[in-house]
Amino acid sequence: MRKLAQAPNIAIATLWADMLSNAGLAASVQRYFLSGIAGDLPPDQCLPEVWVTHDDHESRAKALLHDLQNPPQRRWLCACGEHVEGGFEQCWLCGTPMP
């Protein structure tokens, strides 16, 4: 087993592990219930972790996790000539919807 990442909360850790499992990589969440003792232990030691079961799946799992954490930004050119970036589905200048 290899540790892939530390998640900010249990919901995100579960989402990451499920995404890896759906891609055919056996993954699990460790430290699932440890958040309850934060304060007795340092908070950074109580965050949930995502682990991959098979060592040879580590590189593929890290690549998939990186793609999930860093989605591509959309960029499109509006009919008015304005470049619109990010998640905007409407031009901020003229209000035209994204094609």
N, C-alpha and C. Protein backbone atom coordinates (compact mmCIF):
# COMPACT_ATOMS: atom_id res chain seq x y z
N MET A 1 0.85 -1.19 0.00
CA MET A 1 0.00 0.00 0.00
C MET A 1 0.88 1.24 0.00
N ARG A 2 0.42 2.25 -0.72
CA ARG A 2 1.15 3.52 -0.79
C ARG A 2 0.20 4.68 -0.55
N LYS A 3 0.67 5.63 0.22
CA LYS A 3 -0.10 6.84 0.50
C LYS A 3 -0.04 7.76 -0.72
N LEU A 4 -1.20 8.21 -1.19
CA LEU A 4 -1.25 9.12 -2.32
C LEU A 4 -1.37 10.57 -1.89
N ALA A 5 -2.29 10.84 -0.99
CA ALA A 5 -2.56 12.23 -0.64
C ALA A 5 -3.28 12.33 0.70
N GLN A 6 -3.15 13.50 1.28
CA GLN A 6 -3.89 13.85 2.48
C GLN A 6 -5.00 14.79 2.03
N ALA A 7 -6.22 14.50 2.41
CA ALA A 7 -7.37 15.29 1.98
C ALA A 7 -7.77 16.29 3.07
N PRO A 8 -8.39 17.40 2.68
CA PRO A 8 -8.80 18.39 3.68
C PRO A 8 -9.96 17.93 4.56
N ASN A 9 -10.77 16.99 4.06
CA ASN A 9 -11.88 16.47 4.87
C ASN A 9 -12.28 15.09 4.35
N ILE A 10 -13.14 14.42 5.08
CA ILE A 10 -13.51 13.04 4.75
C ILE A 10 -14.33 12.95 3.47
N ALA A 11 -15.13 13.97 3.18
CA ALA A 11 -15.93 13.94 1.95
C ALA A 11 -15.04 13.95 0.72
N ILE A 12 -14.05 14.79 0.71
CA ILE A 12 -13.14 14.86 -0.45
C ILE A 12 -12.29 13.60 -0.54
N ALA A 13 -11.84 13.09 0.59
CA ALA A 13 -11.06 11.84 0.58
C ALA A 13 -11.88 10.70 -0.02
N THR A 14 -13.14 10.62 0.35
CA THR A 14 -14.02 9.57 -0.18
C THR A 14 -14.25 9.76 -1.68
N LEU A 15 -14.44 11.00 -2.10
CA LEU A 15 -14.61 11.30 -3.52
C LEU A 15 -13.39 10.85 -4.31
N TRP A 16 -12.19 11.19 -3.82
CA TRP A 16 -10.96 10.80 -4.50
C TRP A 16 -10.82 9.28 -4.56
N ALA A 17 -11.07 8.59 -3.46
CA ALA A 17 -10.95 7.13 -3.43
C ALA A 17 -11.97 6.48 -4.37
N ASP A 18 -13.19 7.00 -4.42
CA ASP A 18 -14.20 6.46 -5.32
C ASP A 18 -13.81 6.67 -6.78
N MET A 19 -13.25 7.83 -7.10
CA MET A 19 -12.83 8.10 -8.46
C MET A 19 -11.73 7.12 -8.88
N LEU A 20 -10.80 6.86 -7.99
CA LEU A 20 -9.73 5.91 -8.29
C LEU A 20 -10.28 4.49 -8.44
N SER A 21 -11.21 4.11 -7.58
CA SER A 21 -11.83 2.78 -7.67
C SER A 21 -12.60 2.61 -8.98
N ASN A 22 -13.30 3.66 -9.40
CA ASN A 22 -14.03 3.61 -10.67
C ASN A 22 -13.09 3.50 -11.86
N ALA A 23 -11.86 3.95 -11.71
CA ALA A 23 -10.86 3.83 -12.78
C ALA A 23 -10.14 2.49 -12.74
N GLY A 24 -10.55 1.62 -11.82
CA GLY A 24 -9.96 0.29 -11.74
C GLY A 24 -8.76 0.18 -10.82
N LEU A 25 -8.53 1.20 -10.00
CA LEU A 25 -7.41 1.19 -9.06
C LEU A 25 -7.96 1.05 -7.65
N ALA A 26 -7.58 -0.01 -6.97
CA ALA A 26 -8.07 -0.23 -5.61
C ALA A 26 -7.49 0.82 -4.67
N ALA A 27 -8.37 1.59 -4.06
CA ALA A 27 -7.94 2.66 -3.16
C ALA A 27 -8.79 2.63 -1.90
N SER A 28 -8.23 3.16 -0.82
CA SER A 28 -8.95 3.20 0.45
C SER A 28 -8.67 4.51 1.16
N VAL A 29 -9.56 4.84 2.09
CA VAL A 29 -9.39 6.03 2.92
C VAL A 29 -8.92 5.58 4.30
N GLN A 30 -7.82 6.13 4.76
CA GLN A 30 -7.27 5.84 6.08
C GLN A 30 -7.50 7.07 6.97
N ARG A 31 -7.45 6.88 8.26
CA ARG A 31 -7.70 7.94 9.25
C ARG A 31 -9.12 8.49 9.12
N TYR A 32 -10.04 7.62 8.81
CA TYR A 32 -11.43 8.01 8.56
C TYR A 32 -12.07 8.68 9.78
N PHE A 33 -11.85 8.14 10.96
CA PHE A 33 -12.51 8.65 12.15
C PHE A 33 -11.57 9.44 13.07
N LEU A 34 -10.39 9.76 12.60
CA LEU A 34 -9.39 10.40 13.46
C LEU A 34 -9.68 11.88 13.72
N SER A 35 -10.54 12.50 12.94
CA SER A 35 -10.81 13.93 13.13
C SER A 35 -11.42 14.22 14.50
N GLY A 36 -12.01 13.22 15.12
CA GLY A 36 -12.64 13.40 16.43
C GLY A 36 -11.65 13.66 17.55
N ILE A 37 -10.39 13.34 17.36
CA ILE A 37 -9.41 13.59 18.42
C ILE A 37 -8.45 14.73 18.08
N ALA A 38 -8.81 15.51 17.05
CA ALA A 38 -8.00 16.70 16.73
C ALA A 38 -7.97 17.60 17.96
N GLY A 39 -6.82 18.01 18.32
CA GLY A 39 -6.63 18.77 19.55
C GLY A 39 -5.80 17.97 20.52
N ASP A 40 -6.13 16.68 20.65
CA ASP A 40 -5.29 15.79 21.43
C ASP A 40 -4.05 15.43 20.61
N LEU A 41 -4.25 15.34 19.30
CA LEU A 41 -3.14 15.16 18.35
C LEU A 41 -3.09 16.41 17.48
N PRO A 42 -1.95 16.71 16.86
CA PRO A 42 -1.90 17.86 15.96
C PRO A 42 -2.92 17.70 14.83
N PRO A 43 -3.62 18.78 14.47
CA PRO A 43 -4.67 18.68 13.45
C PRO A 43 -4.20 18.11 12.12
N ASP A 44 -2.98 18.41 11.72
CA ASP A 44 -2.50 17.88 10.44
C ASP A 44 -2.27 16.37 10.49
N GLN A 45 -2.19 15.80 11.67
CA GLN A 45 -2.04 14.36 11.82
C GLN A 45 -3.39 13.64 11.83
N CYS A 46 -4.47 14.41 11.83
CA CYS A 46 -5.80 13.83 11.92
C CYS A 46 -6.58 13.90 10.61
N LEU A 47 -5.95 14.43 9.56
CA LEU A 47 -6.63 14.54 8.28
C LEU A 47 -6.72 13.17 7.60
N PRO A 48 -7.80 12.91 6.87
CA PRO A 48 -7.93 11.63 6.17
C PRO A 48 -6.91 11.52 5.04
N GLU A 49 -6.52 10.28 4.75
CA GLU A 49 -5.53 10.01 3.71
C GLU A 49 -6.11 9.02 2.71
N VAL A 50 -5.69 9.17 1.45
CA VAL A 50 -6.09 8.23 0.40
C VAL A 50 -4.87 7.38 0.06
N TRP A 51 -5.08 6.09 0.11
CA TRP A 51 -4.01 5.12 -0.16
C TRP A 51 -4.42 4.24 -1.32
N VAL A 52 -3.45 3.85 -2.14
CA VAL A 52 -3.68 2.90 -3.22
C VAL A 52 -3.18 1.54 -2.73
N THR A 53 -3.93 0.49 -3.03
CA THR A 53 -3.63 -0.84 -2.51
C THR A 53 -2.40 -1.47 -3.15
N HIS A 54 -2.28 -1.35 -4.46
CA HIS A 54 -1.17 -1.98 -5.19
C HIS A 54 -0.10 -0.95 -5.52
N ASP A 55 1.13 -1.23 -5.12
CA ASP A 55 2.24 -0.29 -5.32
C ASP A 55 2.45 0.08 -6.78
N ASP A 56 2.23 -0.88 -7.70
CA ASP A 56 2.46 -0.59 -9.11
C ASP A 56 1.39 0.32 -9.73
N HIS A 57 0.32 0.62 -9.02
CA HIS A 57 -0.72 1.55 -9.50
C HIS A 57 -0.47 2.99 -9.04
N GLU A 58 0.59 3.20 -8.29
CA GLU A 58 0.81 4.51 -7.68
C GLU A 58 0.94 5.63 -8.71
N SER A 59 1.73 5.45 -9.75
CA SER A 59 1.96 6.54 -10.71
C SER A 59 0.68 6.89 -11.46
N ARG A 60 -0.08 5.87 -11.88
CA ARG A 60 -1.34 6.14 -12.57
C ARG A 60 -2.35 6.82 -11.64
N ALA A 61 -2.39 6.38 -10.39
CA ALA A 61 -3.32 6.97 -9.42
C ALA A 61 -2.96 8.43 -9.15
N LYS A 62 -1.66 8.73 -9.02
CA LYS A 62 -1.25 10.12 -8.80
C LYS A 62 -1.63 11.00 -9.99
N ALA A 63 -1.48 10.47 -11.20
CA ALA A 63 -1.85 11.23 -12.40
C ALA A 63 -3.35 11.51 -12.43
N LEU A 64 -4.17 10.50 -12.11
CA LEU A 64 -5.62 10.69 -12.08
C LEU A 64 -6.03 11.68 -11.00
N LEU A 65 -5.40 11.59 -9.86
CA LEU A 65 -5.70 12.50 -8.76
C LEU A 65 -5.30 13.93 -9.11
N HIS A 66 -4.18 14.08 -9.78
CA HIS A 66 -3.73 15.41 -10.23
C HIS A 66 -4.74 16.00 -11.21
N ASP A 67 -5.23 15.19 -12.15
CA ASP A 67 -6.22 15.67 -13.12
C ASP A 67 -7.51 16.09 -12.44
N LEU A 68 -7.91 15.37 -11.40
CA LEU A 68 -9.13 15.72 -10.67
C LEU A 68 -8.96 17.01 -9.88
N GLN A 69 -7.78 17.21 -9.30
CA GLN A 69 -7.52 18.39 -8.49
C GLN A 69 -7.25 19.63 -9.32
N ASN A 70 -6.87 19.47 -10.59
CA ASN A 70 -6.50 20.59 -11.45
C ASN A 70 -7.27 20.53 -12.76
N PRO A 71 -8.57 20.81 -12.73
CA PRO A 71 -9.34 20.75 -13.97
C PRO A 71 -8.90 21.86 -14.93
N PRO A 72 -8.98 21.60 -16.25
CA PRO A 72 -8.57 22.62 -17.21
C PRO A 72 -9.54 23.80 -17.19
N GLN A 73 -9.02 24.98 -17.40
CA GLN A 73 -9.84 26.18 -17.46
C GLN A 73 -10.31 26.40 -18.90
N ARG A 74 -11.58 26.70 -19.02
CA ARG A 74 -12.12 26.98 -20.35
C ARG A 74 -11.79 28.41 -20.74
N ARG A 75 -11.57 28.61 -22.03
CA ARG A 75 -11.33 29.94 -22.56
C ARG A 75 -12.03 30.00 -23.91
N TRP A 76 -12.84 31.03 -24.11
CA TRP A 76 -13.53 31.14 -25.38
C TRP A 76 -13.59 32.59 -25.82
N LEU A 77 -13.75 32.79 -27.13
CA LEU A 77 -13.80 34.13 -27.72
C LEU A 77 -15.25 34.45 -28.04
N CYS A 78 -15.72 35.54 -27.47
CA CYS A 78 -17.10 35.97 -27.68
C CYS A 78 -17.22 36.65 -29.04
N ALA A 79 -18.44 36.74 -29.54
CA ALA A 79 -18.71 37.40 -30.81
C ALA A 79 -18.33 38.88 -30.76
N CYS A 80 -18.33 39.48 -29.55
CA CYS A 80 -17.96 40.89 -29.42
C CYS A 80 -16.45 41.09 -29.42
N GLY A 81 -15.68 39.99 -29.43
CA GLY A 81 -14.22 40.08 -29.47
C GLY A 81 -13.55 39.91 -28.12
N GLU A 82 -14.32 39.74 -27.07
CA GLU A 82 -13.77 39.61 -25.71
C GLU A 82 -13.38 38.16 -25.43
N HIS A 83 -12.19 37.97 -24.85
CA HIS A 83 -11.78 36.64 -24.40
C HIS A 83 -12.36 36.41 -23.01
N VAL A 84 -13.09 35.31 -22.84
CA VAL A 84 -13.72 34.98 -21.57
C VAL A 84 -13.03 33.73 -21.02
N GLU A 85 -12.53 33.81 -19.79
CA GLU A 85 -11.80 32.70 -19.19
C GLU A 85 -12.52 32.16 -17.97
N GLY A 86 -12.12 30.98 -17.53
CA GLY A 86 -12.66 30.39 -16.32
C GLY A 86 -13.97 29.69 -16.57
N GLY A 87 -14.80 29.65 -15.56
CA GLY A 87 -16.06 28.93 -15.64
C GLY A 87 -17.23 29.77 -16.09
N PHE A 88 -16.97 30.91 -16.70
CA PHE A 88 -18.05 31.79 -17.12
C PHE A 88 -18.74 31.24 -18.36
N GLU A 89 -20.06 31.18 -18.32
CA GLU A 89 -20.84 30.69 -19.45
C GLU A 89 -21.53 31.82 -20.17
N GLN A 90 -21.17 33.04 -19.81
CA GLN A 90 -21.76 34.22 -20.41
C GLN A 90 -20.68 35.30 -20.46
N CYS A 91 -20.62 36.04 -21.56
CA CYS A 91 -19.63 37.12 -21.70
C CYS A 91 -19.91 38.21 -20.67
N TRP A 92 -18.88 38.60 -19.95
CA TRP A 92 -19.06 39.64 -18.93
C TRP A 92 -19.26 41.01 -19.55
N LEU A 93 -18.83 41.19 -20.81
CA LEU A 93 -18.92 42.49 -21.46
C LEU A 93 -20.27 42.73 -22.11
N CYS A 94 -20.74 41.75 -22.90
CA CYS A 94 -21.99 41.97 -23.65
C CYS A 94 -23.14 41.06 -23.21
N GLY A 95 -22.85 40.03 -22.41
CA GLY A 95 -23.91 39.15 -21.91
C GLY A 95 -24.27 38.00 -22.83
N THR A 96 -23.54 37.85 -23.94
CA THR A 96 -23.82 36.75 -24.87
C THR A 96 -23.49 35.41 -24.23
N PRO A 97 -24.36 34.40 -24.35
CA PRO A 97 -24.04 33.08 -23.79
C PRO A 97 -22.89 32.40 -24.55
N MET A 98 -22.21 31.51 -23.86
CA MET A 98 -21.10 30.77 -24.46
C MET A 98 -21.62 29.93 -25.61
N PRO A 99 -20.91 29.90 -26.74
CA PRO A 99 -21.37 29.09 -27.88
C PRO A 99 -21.31 27.61 -27.58
